[in-house]
């Protein structure tokens, strides 16, 4: 399943065609409740009744054309409008390579700013963490955005060895952090190869996040 999601995120052709197959829709329904913003809104409304919060993201990364980055940015602006209209407390999470990080850090940051400002101060815009070779650049953009906007957070991946130090550096600044296990295929010198070790590191990092110290 992890390989499938990674392939979809990196291939427009696969994203556009995979959901035509019923077995694919059934397999991913736990993670993706539908193909449209309306599907996502409906699922978020149902989860709100159970006091479960939601985060929306748009599948895709590593755009190679400024027009693609603009399309992704505009999509998030439209989604935020729909969220506001629905009265949901749903937040959005973006991938910087989808906003143009590979094209230009300035293009990426300009697009990110538009999304943060459109979200409004009461809604956190989350920056997803991507493959390990993007961690430093992602944290650099996050720190720049955080200096200007309080309503921005960043995702850290528990399977990376470096995350404990990244967390230690971010916490004193009051960073909003979303901790996940990580899904990219990384070499064993970069990430824990065993699920057991990832789980243990996740809980250790979570305790650090929740600590009063």
N, C-alpha and C. Protein backbone atom coordinates (compact mmCIF):
# COMPACT_ATOMS: atom_id res chain seq x y z
N UNK A 1 0.83 -1.20 0.00
CA UNK A 1 0.00 0.00 0.00
C UNK A 1 0.87 1.26 0.00
N UNK A 2 1.97 1.23 0.78
CA UNK A 2 2.85 2.39 0.82
C UNK A 2 3.42 2.68 -0.57
N UNK A 3 3.85 1.63 -1.27
CA UNK A 3 4.42 1.81 -2.60
C UNK A 3 3.39 2.39 -3.57
N UNK A 4 2.14 1.97 -3.40
CA UNK A 4 1.09 2.47 -4.28
C UNK A 4 0.89 3.97 -4.08
N UNK A 5 0.80 4.41 -2.82
CA UNK A 5 0.60 5.83 -2.55
C UNK A 5 1.78 6.66 -3.06
N UNK A 6 2.98 6.14 -2.88
CA UNK A 6 4.15 6.87 -3.37
C UNK A 6 4.12 6.99 -4.88
N UNK A 7 3.76 5.90 -5.54
CA UNK A 7 3.69 5.93 -7.00
C UNK A 7 2.64 6.93 -7.47
N UNK A 8 1.49 6.95 -6.81
CA UNK A 8 0.43 7.89 -7.19
C UNK A 8 0.86 9.33 -6.98
N UNK A 9 1.57 9.58 -5.89
CA UNK A 9 1.97 10.95 -5.60
C UNK A 9 2.96 11.48 -6.62
N UNK A 10 3.70 10.57 -7.26
CA UNK A 10 4.75 10.98 -8.18
C UNK A 10 4.37 10.85 -9.65
N UNK A 11 3.20 10.27 -9.93
CA UNK A 11 2.80 10.04 -11.31
C UNK A 11 1.40 10.58 -11.56
N UNK A 12 1.31 11.63 -12.37
CA UNK A 12 -0.01 12.16 -12.71
C UNK A 12 -0.82 11.13 -13.48
N UNK A 13 -0.16 10.40 -14.38
CA UNK A 13 -0.86 9.39 -15.18
C UNK A 13 -1.54 8.37 -14.27
N UNK A 14 -0.81 7.88 -13.26
CA UNK A 14 -1.37 6.88 -12.36
C UNK A 14 -2.47 7.47 -11.50
N UNK A 15 -2.28 8.70 -11.02
CA UNK A 15 -3.32 9.34 -10.20
C UNK A 15 -4.63 9.45 -10.97
N UNK A 16 -4.54 9.79 -12.25
CA UNK A 16 -5.74 10.02 -13.04
C UNK A 16 -6.46 8.74 -13.41
N UNK A 17 -5.74 7.60 -13.40
CA UNK A 17 -6.33 6.36 -13.89
C UNK A 17 -6.61 5.32 -12.81
N UNK A 18 -5.84 5.35 -11.73
CA UNK A 18 -5.95 4.28 -10.74
C UNK A 18 -7.34 4.17 -10.14
N UNK A 19 -7.97 5.32 -9.88
CA UNK A 19 -9.27 5.28 -9.19
C UNK A 19 -10.41 4.85 -10.10
N UNK A 20 -10.13 4.56 -11.35
CA UNK A 20 -11.17 4.01 -12.22
C UNK A 20 -11.49 2.56 -11.87
N UNK A 21 -10.58 1.94 -11.13
CA UNK A 21 -10.74 0.54 -10.80
C UNK A 21 -11.33 0.39 -9.40
N UNK A 22 -12.39 -0.43 -9.31
CA UNK A 22 -13.09 -0.60 -8.05
C UNK A 22 -12.22 -1.12 -6.94
N UNK A 23 -11.33 -2.07 -7.25
CA UNK A 23 -10.49 -2.64 -6.20
C UNK A 23 -9.54 -1.60 -5.62
N UNK A 24 -9.12 -0.64 -6.45
CA UNK A 24 -8.25 0.43 -5.96
C UNK A 24 -9.03 1.33 -5.01
N UNK A 25 -10.24 1.72 -5.42
CA UNK A 25 -11.06 2.58 -4.56
C UNK A 25 -11.33 1.93 -3.22
N UNK A 26 -11.62 0.63 -3.24
CA UNK A 26 -11.89 -0.07 -1.98
C UNK A 26 -10.64 -0.14 -1.10
N UNK A 27 -9.49 -0.36 -1.72
CA UNK A 27 -8.25 -0.52 -0.95
C UNK A 27 -7.83 0.78 -0.27
N UNK A 28 -8.10 1.91 -0.92
CA UNK A 28 -7.61 3.18 -0.37
C UNK A 28 -8.68 3.96 0.38
N UNK A 29 -9.90 3.41 0.47
CA UNK A 29 -11.00 4.17 1.06
C UNK A 29 -10.75 4.54 2.52
N UNK A 30 -9.95 3.74 3.21
CA UNK A 30 -9.63 4.06 4.61
C UNK A 30 -8.85 5.36 4.71
N UNK A 31 -8.03 5.64 3.70
CA UNK A 31 -7.16 6.82 3.73
C UNK A 31 -7.71 7.97 2.90
N UNK A 32 -8.41 7.64 1.80
CA UNK A 32 -8.95 8.66 0.91
C UNK A 32 -10.43 8.37 0.68
N UNK A 33 -11.32 9.15 1.28
CA UNK A 33 -12.75 8.84 1.23
C UNK A 33 -13.42 9.11 -0.11
N UNK A 34 -12.71 9.71 -1.05
CA UNK A 34 -13.30 10.00 -2.35
C UNK A 34 -12.33 10.73 -3.24
N UNK A 35 -12.83 11.15 -4.40
CA UNK A 35 -11.97 11.79 -5.39
C UNK A 35 -12.21 13.28 -5.52
N UNK A 36 -13.24 13.80 -4.87
CA UNK A 36 -13.59 15.21 -5.02
C UNK A 36 -13.54 15.92 -3.67
N UNK A 37 -13.51 17.24 -3.74
CA UNK A 37 -13.54 18.03 -2.51
C UNK A 37 -14.84 17.78 -1.76
N UNK A 38 -15.92 17.61 -2.49
CA UNK A 38 -17.22 17.34 -1.84
C UNK A 38 -17.16 16.03 -1.06
N UNK A 39 -16.50 15.01 -1.61
CA UNK A 39 -16.33 13.75 -0.89
C UNK A 39 -15.57 13.98 0.42
N UNK A 40 -14.51 14.77 0.33
CA UNK A 40 -13.70 15.04 1.52
C UNK A 40 -14.49 15.82 2.56
N UNK A 41 -15.25 16.81 2.11
CA UNK A 41 -16.07 17.61 3.03
C UNK A 41 -17.09 16.72 3.74
N UNK A 42 -17.73 15.83 2.99
CA UNK A 42 -18.73 14.94 3.58
C UNK A 42 -18.10 14.04 4.64
N UNK A 43 -16.92 13.49 4.32
CA UNK A 43 -16.24 12.62 5.28
C UNK A 43 -15.83 13.41 6.52
N UNK A 44 -15.35 14.63 6.33
CA UNK A 44 -14.94 15.46 7.46
C UNK A 44 -16.13 15.81 8.35
N UNK A 45 -17.27 16.06 7.74
CA UNK A 45 -18.47 16.36 8.53
C UNK A 45 -18.87 15.16 9.38
N UNK A 46 -18.78 13.96 8.78
CA UNK A 46 -19.13 12.75 9.52
C UNK A 46 -18.16 12.52 10.67
N UNK A 47 -16.89 12.77 10.44
CA UNK A 47 -15.89 12.58 11.49
C UNK A 47 -16.03 13.63 12.59
N UNK A 48 -16.46 14.82 12.22
CA UNK A 48 -16.68 15.87 13.22
C UNK A 48 -17.73 15.43 14.24
N UNK A 49 -18.73 14.68 13.78
CA UNK A 49 -19.76 14.18 14.69
C UNK A 49 -19.18 13.24 15.73
N UNK A 50 -18.01 12.66 15.42
CA UNK A 50 -17.33 11.77 16.37
C UNK A 50 -16.20 12.49 17.10
N UNK A 51 -16.17 13.82 16.97
CA UNK A 51 -15.13 14.66 17.59
C UNK A 51 -13.74 14.30 17.08
N UNK A 52 -13.66 13.95 15.80
CA UNK A 52 -12.38 13.62 15.16
C UNK A 52 -12.03 14.74 14.18
N UNK A 53 -10.87 15.33 14.36
CA UNK A 53 -10.42 16.39 13.46
C UNK A 53 -9.90 15.83 12.15
N UNK A 54 -9.79 16.69 11.15
CA UNK A 54 -9.37 16.25 9.82
C UNK A 54 -8.37 17.22 9.20
N UNK A 55 -7.54 16.66 8.32
CA UNK A 55 -6.58 17.44 7.55
C UNK A 55 -6.72 17.01 6.09
N UNK A 56 -6.83 17.98 5.20
CA UNK A 56 -6.93 17.69 3.76
C UNK A 56 -5.58 17.90 3.10
N UNK A 57 -5.26 17.02 2.15
CA UNK A 57 -4.07 17.20 1.34
C UNK A 57 -4.38 16.82 -0.09
N UNK A 58 -3.62 17.36 -1.01
CA UNK A 58 -3.81 17.10 -2.44
C UNK A 58 -2.65 16.24 -2.92
N UNK A 59 -2.95 15.03 -3.38
CA UNK A 59 -1.92 14.08 -3.76
C UNK A 59 -1.08 14.61 -4.91
N UNK A 60 0.23 14.49 -4.77
CA UNK A 60 1.14 14.94 -5.83
C UNK A 60 2.36 15.64 -5.25
N UNK A 61 3.46 15.57 -5.98
CA UNK A 61 4.69 16.23 -5.54
C UNK A 61 5.65 16.35 -6.72
N UNK A 62 6.76 17.05 -6.49
CA UNK A 62 7.84 17.19 -7.48
C UNK A 62 7.34 17.72 -8.82
N UNK A 63 6.61 18.83 -8.79
CA UNK A 63 6.17 19.41 -10.06
C UNK A 63 7.38 19.97 -10.81
N UNK A 64 7.29 19.95 -12.12
CA UNK A 64 8.42 20.38 -12.96
C UNK A 64 8.07 21.58 -13.83
N UNK A 65 6.91 22.16 -13.59
CA UNK A 65 6.44 23.27 -14.41
C UNK A 65 5.78 24.31 -13.50
N UNK A 66 6.09 25.59 -13.68
CA UNK A 66 5.46 26.62 -12.84
C UNK A 66 3.93 26.58 -12.90
N UNK A 67 3.39 26.19 -14.05
CA UNK A 67 1.93 26.12 -14.17
C UNK A 67 1.35 25.05 -13.26
N UNK A 68 2.08 23.95 -13.07
CA UNK A 68 1.62 22.90 -12.17
C UNK A 68 1.63 23.39 -10.72
N UNK A 69 2.67 24.14 -10.36
CA UNK A 69 2.74 24.69 -9.00
C UNK A 69 1.60 25.68 -8.77
N UNK A 70 1.30 26.48 -9.77
CA UNK A 70 0.19 27.43 -9.67
C UNK A 70 -1.14 26.69 -9.55
N UNK A 71 -1.29 25.62 -10.31
CA UNK A 71 -2.52 24.83 -10.24
C UNK A 71 -2.72 24.26 -8.84
N UNK A 72 -1.64 23.69 -8.28
CA UNK A 72 -1.74 23.11 -6.94
C UNK A 72 -2.07 24.18 -5.90
N UNK A 73 -1.44 25.34 -6.03
CA UNK A 73 -1.70 26.43 -5.10
C UNK A 73 -3.15 26.88 -5.18
N UNK A 74 -3.63 27.08 -6.40
CA UNK A 74 -5.02 27.52 -6.57
C UNK A 74 -5.99 26.47 -6.06
N UNK A 75 -5.64 25.20 -6.23
CA UNK A 75 -6.49 24.14 -5.70
C UNK A 75 -6.64 24.27 -4.19
N UNK A 76 -5.54 24.53 -3.50
CA UNK A 76 -5.61 24.68 -2.05
C UNK A 76 -6.42 25.91 -1.65
N UNK A 77 -6.30 26.98 -2.40
CA UNK A 77 -7.10 28.17 -2.11
C UNK A 77 -8.58 27.87 -2.26
N UNK A 78 -8.93 27.13 -3.30
CA UNK A 78 -10.33 26.76 -3.51
C UNK A 78 -10.82 25.83 -2.40
N UNK A 79 -9.98 24.89 -2.00
CA UNK A 79 -10.35 23.97 -0.92
C UNK A 79 -10.57 24.73 0.38
N UNK A 80 -9.71 25.68 0.66
CA UNK A 80 -9.88 26.49 1.87
C UNK A 80 -11.20 27.25 1.85
N UNK A 81 -11.58 27.74 0.68
CA UNK A 81 -12.89 28.41 0.56
C UNK A 81 -14.02 27.45 0.91
N UNK A 82 -13.92 26.22 0.41
CA UNK A 82 -14.96 25.23 0.69
C UNK A 82 -14.98 24.88 2.18
N UNK A 83 -13.82 24.78 2.79
CA UNK A 83 -13.74 24.49 4.22
C UNK A 83 -14.41 25.60 5.02
N UNK A 84 -14.09 26.84 4.67
CA UNK A 84 -14.68 27.98 5.38
C UNK A 84 -16.19 28.01 5.21
N UNK A 85 -16.66 27.73 4.00
CA UNK A 85 -18.10 27.73 3.74
C UNK A 85 -18.83 26.66 4.54
N UNK A 86 -18.16 25.53 4.75
CA UNK A 86 -18.78 24.41 5.46
C UNK A 86 -18.77 24.58 6.97
N UNK A 87 -17.96 25.52 7.46
CA UNK A 87 -17.86 25.72 8.90
C UNK A 87 -17.01 24.67 9.60
N UNK A 88 -16.27 23.89 8.84
CA UNK A 88 -15.41 22.87 9.43
C UNK A 88 -14.14 23.49 10.01
N UNK A 89 -13.55 22.80 10.96
CA UNK A 89 -12.26 23.22 11.49
C UNK A 89 -11.11 22.51 10.79
N UNK A 90 -11.39 21.94 9.64
CA UNK A 90 -10.39 21.17 8.89
C UNK A 90 -9.22 22.06 8.48
N UNK A 91 -8.01 21.49 8.54
CA UNK A 91 -6.81 22.19 8.11
C UNK A 91 -6.26 21.54 6.85
N UNK A 92 -5.31 22.18 6.20
CA UNK A 92 -4.71 21.61 5.00
C UNK A 92 -3.22 21.35 5.24
N UNK A 93 -2.70 20.38 4.50
CA UNK A 93 -1.28 20.04 4.59
C UNK A 93 -0.72 20.02 3.17
N UNK A 94 0.40 20.70 2.97
CA UNK A 94 0.95 20.87 1.62
C UNK A 94 2.34 20.26 1.52
N UNK A 95 2.68 19.83 0.32
CA UNK A 95 4.04 19.39 0.03
C UNK A 95 4.75 20.51 -0.72
N UNK A 96 5.91 20.88 -0.25
CA UNK A 96 6.60 22.02 -0.85
C UNK A 96 7.03 21.75 -2.28
N UNK A 97 7.35 20.51 -2.62
CA UNK A 97 7.73 20.24 -4.02
C UNK A 97 6.53 20.39 -4.94
N UNK A 98 5.33 20.26 -4.39
CA UNK A 98 4.12 20.48 -5.20
C UNK A 98 3.88 21.97 -5.43
N UNK A 99 4.45 22.78 -4.55
CA UNK A 99 4.32 24.24 -4.69
C UNK A 99 5.49 24.85 -5.44
N UNK A 100 6.42 24.01 -5.91
CA UNK A 100 7.50 24.52 -6.75
C UNK A 100 8.87 24.56 -6.13
N UNK A 101 9.12 23.81 -5.05
CA UNK A 101 10.43 23.86 -4.40
C UNK A 101 11.56 23.46 -5.33
N UNK A 102 11.32 22.48 -6.20
CA UNK A 102 12.36 22.06 -7.14
C UNK A 102 12.61 23.11 -8.22
N UNK A 103 11.64 23.98 -8.44
CA UNK A 103 11.79 25.02 -9.45
C UNK A 103 12.57 26.20 -8.90
N UNK A 104 12.15 26.64 -7.70
CA UNK A 104 12.77 27.81 -7.07
C UNK A 104 12.24 27.94 -5.65
N UNK A 105 13.12 28.12 -4.67
CA UNK A 105 12.65 28.34 -3.30
C UNK A 105 11.73 29.56 -3.19
N UNK A 106 11.99 30.58 -4.00
CA UNK A 106 11.16 31.79 -3.93
C UNK A 106 9.77 31.55 -4.50
N UNK A 107 9.69 30.80 -5.59
CA UNK A 107 8.37 30.44 -6.14
C UNK A 107 7.58 29.65 -5.11
N UNK A 108 8.25 28.68 -4.51
CA UNK A 108 7.61 27.84 -3.50
C UNK A 108 7.11 28.67 -2.32
N UNK A 109 7.97 29.55 -1.81
CA UNK A 109 7.59 30.33 -0.64
C UNK A 109 6.44 31.30 -0.96
N UNK A 110 6.48 31.88 -2.14
CA UNK A 110 5.39 32.78 -2.53
C UNK A 110 4.06 32.04 -2.58
N UNK A 111 4.07 30.83 -3.10
CA UNK A 111 2.83 30.04 -3.15
C UNK A 111 2.38 29.63 -1.74
N UNK A 112 3.34 29.26 -0.91
CA UNK A 112 3.01 28.89 0.47
C UNK A 112 2.39 30.08 1.21
N UNK A 113 2.96 31.25 1.03
CA UNK A 113 2.42 32.45 1.68
C UNK A 113 0.96 32.68 1.30
N UNK A 114 0.65 32.50 0.04
CA UNK A 114 -0.73 32.70 -0.42
C UNK A 114 -1.68 31.75 0.32
N UNK A 115 -1.25 30.52 0.49
CA UNK A 115 -2.10 29.53 1.17
C UNK A 115 -2.25 29.88 2.65
N UNK A 116 -1.15 30.22 3.30
CA UNK A 116 -1.19 30.56 4.73
C UNK A 116 -2.10 31.77 4.96
N UNK A 117 -1.95 32.79 4.15
CA UNK A 117 -2.75 33.99 4.33
C UNK A 117 -4.22 33.73 4.04
N UNK A 118 -4.49 32.87 3.06
CA UNK A 118 -5.87 32.55 2.72
C UNK A 118 -6.52 31.71 3.81
N UNK A 119 -5.74 30.88 4.47
CA UNK A 119 -6.28 30.04 5.54
C UNK A 119 -6.77 30.88 6.71
N UNK A 120 -6.09 31.99 6.97
CA UNK A 120 -6.47 32.84 8.09
C UNK A 120 -5.75 32.43 9.36
N UNK A 121 -5.63 33.34 10.31
CA UNK A 121 -4.82 33.09 11.51
C UNK A 121 -5.35 31.99 12.41
N UNK A 122 -6.62 31.63 12.27
CA UNK A 122 -7.20 30.61 13.15
C UNK A 122 -6.99 29.19 12.64
N UNK A 123 -6.42 29.04 11.45
CA UNK A 123 -6.25 27.71 10.85
C UNK A 123 -4.78 27.45 10.55
N UNK A 124 -4.27 26.33 11.05
CA UNK A 124 -2.87 25.98 10.81
C UNK A 124 -2.71 25.37 9.42
N UNK A 125 -1.72 25.84 8.69
CA UNK A 125 -1.33 25.21 7.42
C UNK A 125 -0.11 24.35 7.72
N UNK A 126 -0.24 23.06 7.44
CA UNK A 126 0.83 22.11 7.74
C UNK A 126 1.72 21.91 6.52
N UNK A 127 3.01 21.84 6.76
CA UNK A 127 3.97 21.53 5.71
C UNK A 127 4.37 20.07 5.87
N UNK A 128 4.05 19.26 4.88
CA UNK A 128 4.43 17.85 4.91
C UNK A 128 5.94 17.70 4.77
N UNK A 129 6.47 16.65 5.39
CA UNK A 129 7.87 16.30 5.16
C UNK A 129 7.92 15.27 4.05
N UNK A 130 8.88 15.44 3.15
CA UNK A 130 9.00 14.53 2.02
C UNK A 130 10.23 13.64 2.20
N UNK A 131 10.85 13.20 1.13
CA UNK A 131 12.00 12.31 1.24
C UNK A 131 13.14 12.99 2.00
N UNK A 132 14.07 12.19 2.51
CA UNK A 132 15.10 12.70 3.41
C UNK A 132 15.97 13.79 2.79
N UNK A 133 16.15 13.76 1.47
CA UNK A 133 16.98 14.79 0.84
C UNK A 133 16.30 16.15 0.79
N UNK A 134 15.03 16.21 1.23
CA UNK A 134 14.32 17.49 1.28
C UNK A 134 14.18 18.03 2.70
N UNK A 135 14.65 17.31 3.70
CA UNK A 135 14.39 17.72 5.08
C UNK A 135 14.97 19.10 5.38
N UNK A 136 16.22 19.33 5.05
CA UNK A 136 16.83 20.62 5.37
C UNK A 136 16.14 21.77 4.64
N UNK A 137 15.83 21.57 3.37
CA UNK A 137 15.15 22.62 2.62
C UNK A 137 13.74 22.87 3.15
N UNK A 138 13.06 21.79 3.53
CA UNK A 138 11.71 21.93 4.07
C UNK A 138 11.74 22.69 5.39
N UNK A 139 12.66 22.34 6.26
CA UNK A 139 12.76 23.04 7.55
C UNK A 139 13.18 24.49 7.35
N UNK A 140 13.99 24.75 6.34
CA UNK A 140 14.38 26.13 6.06
C UNK A 140 13.18 26.97 5.65
N UNK A 141 12.35 26.43 4.77
CA UNK A 141 11.14 27.15 4.35
C UNK A 141 10.19 27.30 5.53
N UNK A 142 10.06 26.23 6.33
CA UNK A 142 9.18 26.31 7.49
C UNK A 142 9.62 27.42 8.44
N UNK A 143 10.90 27.47 8.76
CA UNK A 143 11.38 28.49 9.70
C UNK A 143 11.14 29.90 9.14
N UNK A 144 11.33 30.06 7.86
CA UNK A 144 11.08 31.36 7.24
C UNK A 144 9.60 31.73 7.36
N UNK A 145 8.73 30.76 7.08
CA UNK A 145 7.29 31.03 7.18
C UNK A 145 6.87 31.27 8.62
N UNK A 146 7.43 30.50 9.54
CA UNK A 146 7.05 30.61 10.95
C UNK A 146 7.45 31.97 11.53
N UNK A 147 8.51 32.56 11.00
CA UNK A 147 8.93 33.88 11.47
C UNK A 147 7.93 34.95 11.08
N UNK A 148 7.15 34.68 10.03
CA UNK A 148 6.18 35.67 9.55
C UNK A 148 4.75 35.33 9.93
N UNK A 149 4.47 34.05 10.11
CA UNK A 149 3.09 33.61 10.36
C UNK A 149 3.06 32.60 11.51
N UNK A 150 2.23 32.84 12.51
CA UNK A 150 2.14 31.86 13.61
C UNK A 150 1.33 30.62 13.24
N UNK A 151 0.53 30.70 12.18
CA UNK A 151 -0.38 29.60 11.85
C UNK A 151 0.21 28.65 10.80
N UNK A 152 1.45 28.24 11.03
CA UNK A 152 2.07 27.27 10.14
C UNK A 152 2.78 26.22 10.99
N UNK A 153 2.63 24.96 10.60
CA UNK A 153 3.25 23.86 11.32
C UNK A 153 4.02 22.98 10.35
N UNK A 154 4.79 22.05 10.90
CA UNK A 154 5.61 21.18 10.06
C UNK A 154 5.49 19.74 10.53
N UNK A 155 5.62 18.84 9.59
CA UNK A 155 5.55 17.41 9.87
C UNK A 155 6.97 16.85 10.03
N UNK A 156 7.16 16.00 11.03
CA UNK A 156 8.43 15.29 11.22
C UNK A 156 8.17 13.79 11.15
N UNK A 157 9.16 13.06 10.63
CA UNK A 157 9.00 11.63 10.40
C UNK A 157 9.83 10.82 11.40
N UNK A 158 9.16 9.95 12.12
CA UNK A 158 9.82 9.21 13.20
C UNK A 158 10.82 8.18 12.68
N UNK A 159 10.71 7.77 11.43
CA UNK A 159 11.63 6.73 10.97
C UNK A 159 13.01 7.26 10.59
N UNK A 160 13.18 8.57 10.55
CA UNK A 160 14.49 9.14 10.25
C UNK A 160 15.32 9.25 11.53
N UNK A 161 16.58 8.84 11.46
CA UNK A 161 17.45 8.93 12.63
C UNK A 161 17.59 10.38 13.11
N UNK A 162 17.60 11.32 12.19
CA UNK A 162 17.88 12.71 12.52
C UNK A 162 16.74 13.41 13.24
N UNK A 163 15.54 12.82 13.25
CA UNK A 163 14.37 13.55 13.72
C UNK A 163 14.46 13.95 15.18
N UNK A 164 15.09 13.15 16.01
CA UNK A 164 15.21 13.52 17.42
C UNK A 164 15.93 14.86 17.58
N UNK A 165 16.98 15.06 16.79
CA UNK A 165 17.72 16.33 16.86
C UNK A 165 16.91 17.47 16.24
N UNK A 166 16.19 17.17 15.16
CA UNK A 166 15.34 18.21 14.56
C UNK A 166 14.28 18.66 15.55
N UNK A 167 13.67 17.70 16.22
CA UNK A 167 12.64 18.03 17.21
C UNK A 167 13.23 18.86 18.34
N UNK A 168 14.39 18.47 18.80
CA UNK A 168 15.05 19.20 19.89
C UNK A 168 15.32 20.65 19.49
N UNK A 169 15.66 20.87 18.23
CA UNK A 169 15.96 22.23 17.76
C UNK A 169 14.69 23.06 17.56
N UNK A 170 13.59 22.41 17.21
CA UNK A 170 12.36 23.13 16.90
C UNK A 170 11.52 23.48 18.13
N UNK A 171 11.54 22.62 19.13
CA UNK A 171 10.65 22.81 20.28
C UNK A 171 10.85 24.14 21.02
N UNK A 172 12.08 24.59 21.26
CA UNK A 172 12.23 25.85 21.99
C UNK A 172 11.59 27.05 21.30
N UNK A 173 11.42 26.97 19.98
CA UNK A 173 10.82 28.08 19.24
C UNK A 173 9.30 28.00 19.22
N UNK A 174 8.74 27.01 19.92
CA UNK A 174 7.28 26.89 19.97
C UNK A 174 6.67 26.37 18.69
N UNK A 175 7.41 25.55 17.96
CA UNK A 175 6.92 25.06 16.67
C UNK A 175 5.71 24.16 16.84
N UNK A 176 4.77 24.29 15.89
CA UNK A 176 3.66 23.35 15.79
C UNK A 176 4.15 22.16 14.98
N UNK A 177 4.10 20.97 15.57
CA UNK A 177 4.70 19.79 14.94
C UNK A 177 3.67 18.67 14.85
N UNK A 178 3.58 18.08 13.69
CA UNK A 178 2.76 16.88 13.49
C UNK A 178 3.71 15.71 13.28
N UNK A 179 3.64 14.74 14.16
CA UNK A 179 4.56 13.61 14.11
C UNK A 179 3.92 12.43 13.38
N UNK A 180 4.62 11.92 12.38
CA UNK A 180 4.17 10.74 11.64
C UNK A 180 5.31 9.72 11.62
N UNK A 181 5.02 8.53 11.15
CA UNK A 181 6.07 7.51 11.13
C UNK A 181 6.98 7.64 9.91
N UNK A 182 6.44 8.04 8.77
CA UNK A 182 7.24 8.16 7.55
C UNK A 182 6.93 7.05 6.58
N UNK A 183 6.94 7.37 5.28
CA UNK A 183 6.50 6.40 4.29
C UNK A 183 7.44 6.25 3.09
N UNK A 184 8.43 7.12 2.97
CA UNK A 184 9.31 7.05 1.80
C UNK A 184 10.31 5.91 1.96
N UNK A 185 10.77 5.40 0.84
CA UNK A 185 11.79 4.35 0.86
C UNK A 185 13.15 5.00 1.08
N UNK A 186 13.73 4.75 2.24
CA UNK A 186 15.00 5.36 2.61
C UNK A 186 16.04 4.28 2.88
N UNK A 187 17.31 4.57 2.64
CA UNK A 187 18.36 3.59 2.94
C UNK A 187 18.53 3.39 4.44
N UNK A 188 19.06 2.24 4.87
CA UNK A 188 19.17 1.94 6.30
C UNK A 188 20.14 2.84 7.06
N UNK A 189 20.97 3.58 6.36
CA UNK A 189 21.85 4.52 7.06
C UNK A 189 21.16 5.86 7.32
N UNK A 190 19.93 6.01 6.81
CA UNK A 190 19.17 7.25 6.98
C UNK A 190 17.96 7.05 7.87
N UNK A 191 17.33 5.88 7.75
CA UNK A 191 16.08 5.63 8.47
C UNK A 191 16.09 4.23 9.09
N UNK A 192 15.33 4.09 10.17
CA UNK A 192 15.18 2.78 10.80
C UNK A 192 14.55 1.81 9.80
N UNK A 193 15.19 0.69 9.51
CA UNK A 193 14.61 -0.24 8.54
C UNK A 193 13.52 -1.14 9.12
N UNK A 194 13.50 -1.31 10.45
CA UNK A 194 12.53 -2.22 11.07
C UNK A 194 11.35 -1.45 11.66
N UNK A 195 10.15 -1.95 11.41
CA UNK A 195 8.95 -1.30 11.93
C UNK A 195 8.99 -1.18 13.45
N UNK A 196 9.50 -2.20 14.12
CA UNK A 196 9.58 -2.18 15.58
C UNK A 196 10.39 -0.98 16.06
N UNK A 197 11.50 -0.70 15.40
CA UNK A 197 12.33 0.43 15.79
C UNK A 197 11.65 1.77 15.48
N UNK A 198 10.94 1.81 14.36
CA UNK A 198 10.19 3.02 14.01
C UNK A 198 9.13 3.30 15.07
N UNK A 199 8.41 2.24 15.46
CA UNK A 199 7.36 2.40 16.47
C UNK A 199 7.95 2.92 17.79
N UNK A 200 9.06 2.34 18.20
CA UNK A 200 9.68 2.75 19.46
C UNK A 200 10.14 4.20 19.40
N UNK A 201 10.72 4.58 18.27
CA UNK A 201 11.17 5.96 18.14
C UNK A 201 9.99 6.93 18.09
N UNK A 202 8.91 6.50 17.45
CA UNK A 202 7.71 7.34 17.40
C UNK A 202 7.21 7.64 18.81
N UNK A 203 7.12 6.61 19.64
CA UNK A 203 6.63 6.82 21.00
C UNK A 203 7.60 7.67 21.82
N UNK A 204 8.89 7.49 21.61
CA UNK A 204 9.87 8.30 22.33
C UNK A 204 9.74 9.77 21.94
N UNK A 205 9.57 10.03 20.65
CA UNK A 205 9.42 11.41 20.18
C UNK A 205 8.09 12.00 20.64
N UNK A 206 7.04 11.17 20.63
CA UNK A 206 5.73 11.65 21.10
C UNK A 206 5.79 12.05 22.57
N UNK A 207 6.49 11.26 23.36
CA UNK A 207 6.63 11.61 24.78
C UNK A 207 7.36 12.94 24.93
N UNK A 208 8.36 13.15 24.08
CA UNK A 208 9.10 14.41 24.13
C UNK A 208 8.20 15.58 23.75
N UNK A 209 7.35 15.37 22.76
CA UNK A 209 6.42 16.42 22.33
C UNK A 209 5.42 16.77 23.43
N UNK A 210 4.98 15.76 24.15
CA UNK A 210 3.94 15.95 25.16
C UNK A 210 4.48 16.32 26.53
N UNK A 211 5.80 16.29 26.66
CA UNK A 211 6.41 16.60 27.94
C UNK A 211 6.28 18.08 28.27
N UNK A 212 6.17 18.38 29.55
CA UNK A 212 6.11 19.78 30.00
C UNK A 212 7.49 20.40 30.10
N UNK A 213 8.51 19.57 30.02
CA UNK A 213 9.88 20.08 30.20
C UNK A 213 10.37 20.74 28.93
